[in-house]
Amino acid sequence: MISQLKSSKNPLGTGRPATYRAGMADAGQKKKRKALMLGVGLDSDGSKRITTGPNFALVGGSQETHEVMTEKVIKINEKLTARGKQLEEVSREEFDDIAHSVGLRRHCPETN
């Protein structure tokens, strides 16, 4: 059986939901949404760092950068726990609010 699945988030960032076709043994069951925070440190001191958790993956960065990324995802997870929610349960606006409260800012490139 082939079914069409739609994701509410497009990994390519085109603004439209990503769609794909997949053959599934039991297409009648609904899959649970999953969410993941991904942190990529672009600076380096020669070491390779990877830190993972139940809802995050952090790669790269100098020791300082990697520690800062780790601190931020831990704080975000603490705030989610305090709200009684999982990452996949919060809206984009609610996540932005939580991220802002731990010192993160959304990058908004200027358009010419």
Protein backbone atom coordinates (compact mmCIF):
# COMPACT_ATOMS: atom_id res chain seq x y z
CA MET A 1 0.00 0.00 0.00
CA ILE A 2 1.35 3.45 -0.88
CA SER A 3 0.24 6.53 1.00
CA GLN A 4 1.16 10.16 0.80
CA LEU A 5 2.61 11.65 3.99
CA LYS A 6 2.91 15.34 4.66
CA SER A 7 5.21 17.01 7.16
CA SER A 8 4.30 20.35 8.73
CA LYS A 9 7.95 21.42 8.52
CA ASN A 10 9.89 21.44 5.28
CA PRO A 11 13.57 20.67 5.83
CA LEU A 12 14.38 22.61 2.69
CA GLY A 13 12.77 25.76 4.05
CA THR A 14 10.66 26.52 0.98
CA GLY A 15 7.62 27.39 3.05
CA ARG A 16 5.53 24.57 1.62
CA PRO A 17 5.02 21.31 3.49
CA ALA A 18 7.44 18.61 2.40
CA THR A 19 5.67 15.70 0.78
CA TYR A 20 6.86 12.27 -0.21
CA ARG A 21 5.49 8.88 -1.06
CA ALA A 22 6.33 5.84 1.01
CA GLY A 23 5.24 2.23 1.00
CA MET A 24 4.13 1.18 4.47
CA ALA A 25 2.97 -2.14 5.86
CA ASP A 26 0.30 -0.50 8.03
CA ALA A 27 -0.62 2.85 6.49
CA GLY A 28 -3.70 3.13 8.72
CA GLN A 29 -1.67 4.00 11.83
CA LYS A 30 -0.73 7.61 12.41
CA LYS A 31 2.93 8.33 13.11
CA LYS A 32 3.82 10.47 16.11
CA ARG A 33 5.44 13.82 15.26
CA LYS A 34 9.05 14.18 16.31
CA ALA A 35 11.15 17.29 16.74
CA LEU A 36 14.88 17.81 17.06
CA MET A 37 17.05 20.80 17.85
CA LEU A 38 20.23 20.81 15.77
CA GLY A 39 23.20 22.95 16.76
CA VAL A 40 26.20 23.37 14.48
CA GLY A 41 29.31 25.12 15.76
CA LEU A 42 31.17 26.68 12.87
CA ASP A 43 34.37 27.59 14.71
CA SER A 44 36.96 24.94 15.55
CA ASP A 45 39.96 24.32 17.76
CA GLY A 46 40.87 21.06 16.04
CA SER A 47 38.69 18.77 18.17
CA LYS A 48 35.58 16.99 16.92
CA ARG A 49 32.64 17.32 19.28
CA ILE A 50 29.25 15.64 19.15
CA THR A 51 26.68 15.82 21.94
CA THR A 52 23.26 14.23 21.66
CA GLY A 53 20.18 14.05 23.83
CA PRO A 54 16.60 12.84 23.50
CA ASN A 55 15.62 15.84 21.35
CA PHE A 56 18.87 17.48 20.28
CA ALA A 57 22.14 16.93 18.43
CA LEU A 58 25.07 19.32 18.68
CA VAL A 59 28.07 19.04 16.38
CA GLY A 60 31.30 20.95 15.97
CA GLY A 61 32.49 24.16 17.46
CA SER A 62 35.31 25.07 19.76
CA GLN A 63 35.10 23.91 23.37
CA GLU A 64 33.54 27.24 24.39
CA THR A 65 31.00 27.25 21.54
CA HIS A 66 30.01 23.64 22.18
CA GLU A 67 29.54 24.34 25.90
CA VAL A 68 27.33 27.35 25.13
CA MET A 69 25.19 25.30 22.71
CA THR A 70 24.87 22.55 25.32
CA GLU A 71 23.85 25.04 27.99
CA LYS A 72 21.17 26.53 25.70
CA VAL A 73 19.52 23.21 24.81
CA ILE A 74 19.54 22.14 28.47
CA LYS A 75 17.84 25.42 29.45
CA ILE A 76 15.30 25.05 26.64
CA ASN A 77 14.49 21.51 27.80
CA GLU A 78 14.13 22.73 31.42
CA LYS A 79 11.65 25.39 30.28
CA LEU A 80 9.72 22.83 28.23
CA THR A 81 9.55 20.54 31.27
CA ALA A 82 8.34 23.45 33.44
CA ARG A 83 5.53 23.99 30.91
CA GLY A 84 4.75 20.27 30.89
CA LYS A 85 5.42 20.00 27.15
CA GLN A 86 7.65 18.12 24.73
CA LEU A 87 9.52 19.88 21.92
CA GLU A 88 7.15 18.50 19.28
CA GLU A 89 4.14 19.91 21.16
CA VAL A 90 5.08 23.61 21.09
CA SER A 91 4.22 26.02 18.31
CA ARG A 92 6.90 27.93 16.45
CA GLU A 93 5.89 31.08 18.34
CA GLU A 94 6.13 29.33 21.72
CA PHE A 95 9.53 27.89 20.80
CA ASP A 96 10.72 31.34 19.72
CA ASP A 97 9.59 32.71 23.09
CA ILE A 98 11.47 29.98 24.98
CA ALA A 99 14.59 30.38 22.80
CA HIS A 100 14.53 34.14 23.33
CA SER A 101 14.26 33.65 27.11
CA VAL A 102 17.51 31.63 27.14
CA GLY A 103 19.37 34.23 25.09
CA LEU A 104 18.94 32.97 21.52
CA ARG A 105 17.86 35.24 18.69
CA ARG A 106 16.28 34.29 15.36
CA HIS A 107 18.57 35.11 12.44
CA CYS A 108 16.70 37.26 9.95
CA PRO A 109 18.92 38.01 6.93
CA GLU A 110 18.37 41.34 5.29
CA THR A 111 16.98 41.30 1.77
CA ASN A 112 18.15 43.72 -0.89
